[in-house]
Amino acid sequence: MQLNFILTIIDRAKAEFVTSIYEELEIPLVLAMLGRDTNAEEQLDKYGFQSEEKAIVAAVADSEKTNQLIKNVKRKLFIDVPGYGMMLGIPIKSVGGGRTLAYLTNDTVHDNEKVEMKFEYELILVILNQSYMDDVMQVARSAGATGGTVIHAKGTSGHYAQKFFGVSLANEKEVIMIVSKSSEKAKIMKAIAEHTGPETPAGAITFSLPVSAAAGIRDALPEE
């Protein structure tokens, strides 16, 4: 069966409503996180967001519930219209044990699904030292990125990172999420690594995840 890690990025004022839509489908694990746009004025121009303060609502669901969740959020929050938020479905490769799988699927038996591993767009995650967000996003935009959402975090694996990269991950961190077409991903990641990578004060580490379903990012996605 195919499970997806679903992310909904929305104005904070709508987070509780989004969470209720997740819960209507009896999705057992729903997480809410706080974030903000990397450039509020640019995002307002591009997507029409009303506020730079964002909530990221996350959950795990099978492909059927993923499709239903996106459909419900589109219907109730108009998330397919630029300015109302965005949704991403990220395929999960493995789950830690049968009891975990039973919990995440409400103990429902599914037939095996053949998953097509070609994805048109991806989610780039950038982990960087705090206060260098603007530097990283300037480089990312110069390589074709249209914007991103940032979450504050703290690293805990400082000793190995300091030995390997020359920087410490035990400091305050920021995580930037950038949605990109797969064809443009490598250029963006290369630019970040070359100009703001681990050997620079920004200390940016990047990796990407495939996106299997999405809504609300019209400039990155083909028209339905």
C-alpha atoms as a PDB file:
ATOM      1  CA  MET A   1       0.000   0.000   0.000  1.00  0.00           C
ATOM      2  CA  GLN A   2       1.056   3.591  -0.499  1.00  0.00           C
ATOM      3  CA  LEU A   3       1.204   6.023   2.438  1.00  0.00           C
ATOM      4  CA  ASN A   4       1.828   9.742   2.080  1.00  0.00           C
ATOM      5  CA  PHE A   5       3.112  12.369   4.490  1.00  0.00           C
ATOM      6  CA  ILE A   6       0.705  15.245   3.843  1.00  0.00           C
ATOM      7  CA  LEU A   7       1.614  18.869   4.504  1.00  0.00           C
ATOM      8  CA  THR A   8      -0.852  21.746   4.388  1.00  0.00           C
ATOM      9  CA  ILE A   9       0.652  25.243   4.587  1.00  0.00           C
ATOM     10  CA  ILE A  10      -1.993  27.780   5.546  1.00  0.00           C
ATOM     11  CA  ASP A  11      -2.479  31.096   7.351  1.00  0.00           C
ATOM     12  CA  ARG A  12      -2.350  30.441  11.102  1.00  0.00           C
ATOM     13  CA  ALA A  13      -5.886  31.695  11.621  1.00  0.00           C
ATOM     14  CA  LYS A  14      -7.175  28.761   9.521  1.00  0.00           C
ATOM     15  CA  ALA A  15      -5.062  26.047  11.155  1.00  0.00           C
ATOM     16  CA  GLU A  16      -7.786  24.793  13.498  1.00  0.00           C
ATOM     17  CA  PHE A  17     -10.258  24.489  10.633  1.00  0.00           C
ATOM     18  CA  VAL A  18      -7.743  22.574   8.526  1.00  0.00           C
ATOM     19  CA  THR A  19      -7.077  20.232  11.453  1.00  0.00           C
ATOM     20  CA  SER A  20     -10.798  19.528  11.755  1.00  0.00           C
ATOM     21  CA  ILE A  21     -10.913  18.521   8.071  1.00  0.00           C
ATOM     22  CA  TYR A  22      -8.088  16.029   8.679  1.00  0.00           C
ATOM     23  CA  GLU A  23      -9.926  14.641  11.706  1.00  0.00           C
ATOM     24  CA  GLU A  24     -13.199  14.244   9.775  1.00  0.00           C
ATOM     25  CA  LEU A  25     -11.471  11.522   7.760  1.00  0.00           C
ATOM     26  CA  GLU A  26     -10.362   9.821  11.007  1.00  0.00           C
ATOM     27  CA  ILE A  27      -6.685  10.327  10.236  1.00  0.00           C
ATOM     28  CA  PRO A  28      -5.006   9.182  13.475  1.00  0.00           C
ATOM     29  CA  LEU A  29      -1.827  11.283  13.484  1.00  0.00           C
ATOM     30  CA  VAL A  30      -2.192  15.042  12.906  1.00  0.00           C
ATOM     31  CA  LEU A  31       0.587  17.501  13.789  1.00  0.00           C
ATOM     32  CA  ALA A  32       0.463  21.301  13.758  1.00  0.00           C
ATOM     33  CA  MET A  33       3.649  23.398  13.452  1.00  0.00           C
ATOM     34  CA  LEU A  34       4.283  27.117  13.207  1.00  0.00           C
ATOM     35  CA  GLY A  35       6.173  28.769  10.362  1.00  0.00           C
ATOM     36  CA  ARG A  36       6.328  31.913   8.274  1.00  0.00           C
ATOM     37  CA  ASP A  37       6.912  32.956   4.675  1.00  0.00           C
ATOM     38  CA  THR A  38      10.499  33.663   3.733  1.00  0.00           C
ATOM     39  CA  ASN A  39       9.437  36.887   2.047  1.00  0.00           C
ATOM     40  CA  ALA A  40       5.953  38.066   2.947  1.00  0.00           C
ATOM     41  CA  GLU A  41       5.737  40.859   0.374  1.00  0.00           C
ATOM     42  CA  GLU A  42       6.848  38.637  -2.493  1.00  0.00           C
ATOM     43  CA  GLN A  43       4.508  35.834  -1.424  1.00  0.00           C
ATOM     44  CA  LEU A  44       1.626  38.298  -1.170  1.00  0.00           C
ATOM     45  CA  ASP A  45       2.290  39.392  -4.737  1.00  0.00           C
ATOM     46  CA  LYS A  46       2.714  35.838  -6.046  1.00  0.00           C
ATOM     47  CA  TYR A  47       0.171  33.814  -4.089  1.00  0.00           C
ATOM     48  CA  GLY A  48      -2.001  36.464  -2.422  1.00  0.00           C
ATOM     49  CA  PHE A  49      -1.295  35.197   1.103  1.00  0.00           C
ATOM     50  CA  GLN A  50      -2.914  37.415   3.713  1.00  0.00           C
ATOM     51  CA  SER A  51      -0.211  37.004   6.381  1.00  0.00           C
ATOM     52  CA  GLU A  52       3.406  35.904   6.673  1.00  0.00           C
ATOM     53  CA  GLU A  53       2.530  33.879   9.806  1.00  0.00           C
ATOM     54  CA  LYS A  54       1.847  30.306   8.702  1.00  0.00           C
ATOM     55  CA  ALA A  55       0.782  26.977  10.166  1.00  0.00           C
ATOM     56  CA  ILE A  56       1.989  23.667   8.758  1.00  0.00           C
ATOM     57  CA  VAL A  57      -0.517  20.872   9.418  1.00  0.00           C
ATOM     58  CA  ALA A  58       0.918  17.407   8.798  1.00  0.00           C
ATOM     59  CA  ALA A  59      -0.457  13.869   8.798  1.00  0.00           C
ATOM     60  CA  VAL A  60       0.035  10.387   7.367  1.00  0.00           C
ATOM     61  CA  ALA A  61      -2.666   8.861   5.161  1.00  0.00           C
ATOM     62  CA  ASP A  62      -3.086   6.246   2.444  1.00  0.00           C
ATOM     63  CA  SER A  63      -3.555   7.256  -1.188  1.00  0.00           C
ATOM     64  CA  GLU A  64      -7.356   7.084  -0.987  1.00  0.00           C
ATOM     65  CA  LYS A  65      -7.557   9.361   2.041  1.00  0.00           C
ATOM     66  CA  THR A  66      -4.869  11.637   0.573  1.00  0.00           C
ATOM     67  CA  ASN A  67      -7.023  12.246  -2.479  1.00  0.00           C
ATOM     68  CA  GLN A  68     -10.138  12.718  -0.355  1.00  0.00           C
ATOM     69  CA  LEU A  69      -8.346  15.117   1.986  1.00  0.00           C
ATOM     70  CA  ILE A  70      -7.118  17.287  -0.875  1.00  0.00           C
ATOM     71  CA  LYS A  71     -10.624  17.254  -2.374  1.00  0.00           C
ATOM     72  CA  ASN A  72     -12.191  18.303   0.953  1.00  0.00           C
ATOM     73  CA  VAL A  73      -9.681  21.080   1.611  1.00  0.00           C
ATOM     74  CA  LYS A  74     -10.146  22.386  -1.923  1.00  0.00           C
ATOM     75  CA  ARG A  75     -13.916  22.437  -1.439  1.00  0.00           C
ATOM     76  CA  LYS A  76     -13.954  23.976   2.034  1.00  0.00           C
ATOM     77  CA  LEU A  77     -10.934  26.307   1.903  1.00  0.00           C
ATOM     78  CA  PHE A  78     -10.550  26.913  -1.867  1.00  0.00           C
ATOM     79  CA  ILE A  79      -6.906  25.875  -1.513  1.00  0.00           C
ATOM     80  CA  ASP A  80      -6.625  25.312  -5.265  1.00  0.00           C
ATOM     81  CA  VAL A  81      -6.961  29.093  -5.683  1.00  0.00           C
ATOM     82  CA  PRO A  82      -3.607  30.890  -5.299  1.00  0.00           C
ATOM     83  CA  GLY A  83      -3.507  32.781  -2.011  1.00  0.00           C
ATOM     84  CA  TYR A  84      -5.435  30.286   0.109  1.00  0.00           C
ATOM     85  CA  GLY A  85      -2.526  27.985   0.948  1.00  0.00           C
ATOM     86  CA  MET A  86      -0.926  24.862  -0.491  1.00  0.00           C
ATOM     87  CA  MET A  87      -0.936  21.104   0.060  1.00  0.00           C
ATOM     88  CA  LEU A  88       1.739  18.507  -0.649  1.00  0.00           C
ATOM     89  CA  GLY A  89       1.664  14.716  -0.515  1.00  0.00           C
ATOM     90  CA  ILE A  90       5.078  13.099   0.012  1.00  0.00           C
ATOM     91  CA  PRO A  91       5.282   9.309  -0.516  1.00  0.00           C
ATOM     92  CA  ILE A  92       6.541   7.295   2.468  1.00  0.00           C
ATOM     93  CA  LYS A  93       8.950   4.501   1.586  1.00  0.00           C
ATOM     94  CA  SER A  94       8.744   2.434   4.776  1.00  0.00           C
ATOM     95  CA  VAL A  95       7.050   2.297   8.175  1.00  0.00           C
ATOM     96  CA  GLY A  96       8.562   1.010  11.430  1.00  0.00           C
ATOM     97  CA  GLY A  97       6.620  -2.178  12.119  1.00  0.00           C
ATOM     98  CA  GLY A  98       3.210  -3.733  11.662  1.00  0.00           C
ATOM     99  CA  ARG A  99       1.644  -2.054  14.715  1.00  0.00           C
ATOM    100  CA  THR A 100       2.734   1.359  13.434  1.00  0.00           C
ATOM    101  CA  LEU A 101       1.194   0.583  10.044  1.00  0.00           C
ATOM    102  CA  ALA A 102      -2.026  -0.559  11.710  1.00  0.00           C
ATOM    103  CA  TYR A 103      -2.160   2.660  13.729  1.00  0.00           C
ATOM    104  CA  LEU A 104      -1.540   4.914  10.731  1.00  0.00           C
ATOM    105  CA  THR A 105      -4.195   3.131   8.653  1.00  0.00           C
ATOM    106  CA  ASN A 106      -6.780   2.577  11.397  1.00  0.00           C
ATOM    107  CA  ASP A 107      -6.064  -1.166  11.159  1.00  0.00           C
ATOM    108  CA  THR A 108      -7.458  -1.290   7.630  1.00  0.00           C
ATOM    109  CA  VAL A 109      -6.294  -3.997   5.221  1.00  0.00           C
ATOM    110  CA  HIS A 110      -5.297  -2.713   1.787  1.00  0.00           C
ATOM    111  CA  ASP A 111      -4.277  -4.417  -1.396  1.00  0.00           C
ATOM    112  CA  ASN A 112      -0.697  -3.803  -2.474  1.00  0.00           C
ATOM    113  CA  GLU A 113      -0.332  -0.885  -4.847  1.00  0.00           C
ATOM    114  CA  LYS A 114       2.351  -0.463  -7.464  1.00  0.00           C
ATOM    115  CA  VAL A 115       3.825   2.977  -6.901  1.00  0.00           C
ATOM    116  CA  GLU A 116       5.089   4.963  -9.878  1.00  0.00           C
ATOM    117  CA  MET A 117       8.351   6.542  -8.712  1.00  0.00           C
ATOM    118  CA  LYS A 118       8.475   9.339 -11.278  1.00  0.00           C
ATOM    119  CA  PHE A 119       7.411  12.676  -9.837  1.00  0.00           C
ATOM    120  CA  GLU A 120       6.965  15.966 -11.635  1.00  0.00           C
ATOM    121  CA  TYR A 121       7.848  18.137  -8.664  1.00  0.00           C
ATOM    122  CA  GLU A 122       9.753  17.871  -5.388  1.00  0.00           C
ATOM    123  CA  LEU A 123      10.039  19.432  -1.955  1.00  0.00           C
ATOM    124  CA  ILE A 124      13.504  20.813  -1.218  1.00  0.00           C
ATOM    125  CA  LEU A 125      14.391  20.973   2.488  1.00  0.00           C
ATOM    126  CA  VAL A 126      17.190  23.315   3.535  1.00  0.00           C
ATOM    127  CA  ILE A 127      18.575  23.171   7.088  1.00  0.00           C
ATOM    128  CA  LEU A 128      20.639  26.261   7.883  1.00  0.00           C
ATOM    129  CA  ASN A 129      22.002  28.377  10.684  1.00  0.00           C
ATOM    130  CA  GLN A 130      19.610  30.942  12.076  1.00  0.00           C
ATOM    131  CA  SER A 131      19.755  34.483  10.612  1.00  0.00           C
ATOM    132  CA  TYR A 132      20.915  33.332   7.153  1.00  0.00           C
ATOM    133  CA  MET A 133      17.467  32.715   5.679  1.00  0.00           C
ATOM    134  CA  ASP A 134      17.595  35.796   3.450  1.00  0.00           C
ATOM    135  CA  ASP A 135      21.008  34.807   2.069  1.00  0.00           C
ATOM    136  CA  VAL A 136      19.870  31.278   1.248  1.00  0.00           C
ATOM    137  CA  MET A 137      16.602  32.420  -0.337  1.00  0.00           C
ATOM    138  CA  GLN A 138      18.362  35.042  -2.446  1.00  0.00           C
ATOM    139  CA  VAL A 139      20.586  32.296  -3.862  1.00  0.00           C
ATOM    140  CA  ALA A 140      17.634  29.922  -4.308  1.00  0.00           C
ATOM    141  CA  ARG A 141      15.576  32.557  -6.151  1.00  0.00           C
ATOM    142  CA  SER A 142      18.479  33.364  -8.445  1.00  0.00           C
ATOM    143  CA  ALA A 143      18.412  29.670  -9.447  1.00  0.00           C
ATOM    144  CA  GLY A 144      14.658  29.656 -10.102  1.00  0.00           C
ATOM    145  CA  ALA A 145      12.930  29.105  -6.740  1.00  0.00           C
ATOM    146  CA  THR A 146       9.668  31.042  -6.367  1.00  0.00           C
ATOM    147  CA  GLY A 147       9.626  31.246  -2.563  1.00  0.00           C
ATOM    148  CA  GLY A 148       9.543  29.115   0.551  1.00  0.00           C
ATOM    149  CA  THR A 149       8.205  28.569   4.063  1.00  0.00           C
ATOM    150  CA  VAL A 150      10.524  28.585   7.073  1.00  0.00           C
ATOM    151  CA  ILE A 151      10.275  26.698  10.378  1.00  0.00           C
ATOM    152  CA  HIS A 152      12.464  27.398  13.409  1.00  0.00           C
ATOM    153  CA  ALA A 153      14.331  24.401  14.831  1.00  0.00           C
ATOM    154  CA  LYS A 154      17.294  23.350  16.970  1.00  0.00           C
ATOM    155  CA  GLY A 155      19.984  20.847  16.019  1.00  0.00           C
ATOM    156  CA  THR A 156      21.086  18.146  18.460  1.00  0.00           C
ATOM    157  CA  SER A 157      23.891  16.244  16.655  1.00  0.00           C
ATOM    158  CA  GLY A 158      26.581  18.860  17.173  1.00  0.00           C
ATOM    159  CA  HIS A 159      29.755  16.772  17.650  1.00  0.00           C
ATOM    160  CA  TYR A 160      29.632  14.820  14.407  1.00  0.00           C
ATOM    161  CA  ALA A 161      28.437  17.764  12.344  1.00  0.00           C
ATOM    162  CA  GLN A 162      31.201  19.984  13.675  1.00  0.00           C
ATOM    163  CA  LYS A 163      33.822  17.353  12.862  1.00  0.00           C
ATOM    164  CA  PHE A 164      32.432  16.629   9.399  1.00  0.00           C
ATOM    165  CA  PHE A 165      31.311  20.060   8.220  1.00  0.00           C
ATOM    166  CA  GLY A 166      33.183  22.443  10.494  1.00  0.00           C
ATOM    167  CA  VAL A 167      29.865  23.796  11.777  1.00  0.00           C
ATOM    168  CA  SER A 168      27.681  22.871  14.741  1.00  0.00           C
ATOM    169  CA  LEU A 169      24.119  21.634  14.468  1.00  0.00           C
ATOM    170  CA  ALA A 170      23.523  22.274  18.167  1.00  0.00           C
ATOM    171  CA  ASN A 171      22.707  25.928  17.497  1.00  0.00           C
ATOM    172  CA  GLU A 172      19.380  27.501  16.631  1.00  0.00           C
ATOM    173  CA  LYS A 173      18.376  26.456  13.132  1.00  0.00           C
ATOM    174  CA  GLU A 174      15.874  27.238  10.432  1.00  0.00           C
ATOM    175  CA  VAL A 175      14.332  24.772   7.988  1.00  0.00           C
ATOM    176  CA  ILE A 176      13.202  26.177   4.642  1.00  0.00           C
ATOM    177  CA  MET A 177      10.700  24.247   2.507  1.00  0.00           C
ATOM    178  CA  ILE A 178      10.816  25.038  -1.225  1.00  0.00           C
ATOM    179  CA  VAL A 179       8.541  23.427  -3.818  1.00  0.00           C
ATOM    180  CA  SER A 180      10.203  23.009  -7.207  1.00  0.00           C
ATOM    181  CA  LYS A 181       9.646  21.214 -10.486  1.00  0.00           C
ATOM    182  CA  SER A 182      11.870  18.135 -10.607  1.00  0.00           C
ATOM    183  CA  SER A 183      13.577  19.497 -13.702  1.00  0.00           C
ATOM    184  CA  GLU A 184      14.665  22.636 -11.783  1.00  0.00           C
ATOM    185  CA  LYS A 185      15.528  20.996  -8.447  1.00  0.00           C
ATOM    186  CA  ALA A 186      19.186  20.220  -9.162  1.00  0.00           C
ATOM    187  CA  LYS A 187      19.963  23.799 -10.210  1.00  0.00           C
ATOM    188  CA  ILE A 188      18.452  25.236  -7.023  1.00  0.00           C
ATOM    189  CA  MET A 189      20.171  22.738  -4.734  1.00  0.00           C
ATOM    190  CA  LYS A 190      23.513  23.226  -6.464  1.00  0.00           C
ATOM    191  CA  ALA A 191      23.313  27.010  -6.084  1.00  0.00           C
ATOM    192  CA  ILE A 192      22.504  26.730  -2.374  1.00  0.00           C
ATOM    193  CA  ALA A 193      25.359  24.258  -1.817  1.00  0.00           C
ATOM    194  CA  GLU A 194      27.904  26.391  -3.704  1.00  0.00           C
ATOM    195  CA  HIS A 195      27.062  29.767  -2.181  1.00  0.00           C
ATOM    196  CA  THR A 196      25.595  29.029   1.261  1.00  0.00           C
ATOM    197  CA  GLY A 197      26.634  25.415   1.882  1.00  0.00           C
ATOM    198  CA  PRO A 198      28.150  23.644   4.909  1.00  0.00           C
ATOM    199  CA  GLU A 199      31.515  25.401   4.613  1.00  0.00           C
ATOM    200  CA  THR A 200      29.940  28.877   4.718  1.00  0.00           C
ATOM    201  CA  PRO A 201      28.536  30.784   7.719  1.00  0.00           C
ATOM    202  CA  ALA A 202      25.008  29.810   6.585  1.00  0.00           C
ATOM    203  CA  GLY A 203      25.941  26.126   6.895  1.00  0.00           C
ATOM    204  CA  ALA A 204      23.052  25.063   4.650  1.00  0.00           C
ATOM    205  CA  ILE A 205      22.404  21.339   4.156  1.00  0.00           C
ATOM    206  CA  THR A 206      19.878  20.416   1.452  1.00  0.00           C
ATOM    207  CA  PHE A 207      17.958  17.342   0.361  1.00  0.00           C
ATOM    208  CA  SER A 208      14.746  16.752  -1.559  1.00  0.00           C
ATOM    209  CA  LEU A 209      11.636  14.603  -1.282  1.00  0.00           C
ATOM    210  CA  PRO A 210       9.268  13.593  -4.103  1.00  0.00           C
ATOM    211  CA  VAL A 211       5.772  15.092  -4.158  1.00  0.00           C
ATOM    212  CA  SER A 212       3.037  12.694  -5.283  1.00  0.00           C
ATOM    213  CA  ALA A 213       0.040  15.059  -4.933  1.00  0.00           C
ATOM    214  CA  ALA A 214      -0.385  18.812  -4.565  1.00  0.00           C
ATOM    215  CA  ALA A 215      -2.817  21.718  -4.627  1.00  0.00           C
ATOM    216  CA  GLY A 216      -2.578  25.486  -4.416  1.00  0.00           C
ATOM    217  CA  ILE A 217       0.701  26.118  -6.243  1.00  0.00           C
ATOM    218  CA  ARG A 218      -0.460  26.938  -9.736  1.00  0.00           C
ATOM    219  CA  ASP A 219       2.858  28.359 -10.981  1.00  0.00           C
ATOM    220  CA  ALA A 220       4.646  25.100 -10.044  1.00  0.00           C
ATOM    221  CA  LEU A 221       1.986  22.613 -11.080  1.00  0.00           C
ATOM    222  CA  PRO A 222       0.326  21.856 -14.408  1.00  0.00           C
ATOM    223  CA  GLU A 223      -3.298  22.903 -14.795  1.00  0.00           C
ATOM    224  CA  GLU A 224      -5.776  20.120 -14.049  1.00  0.00           C
END
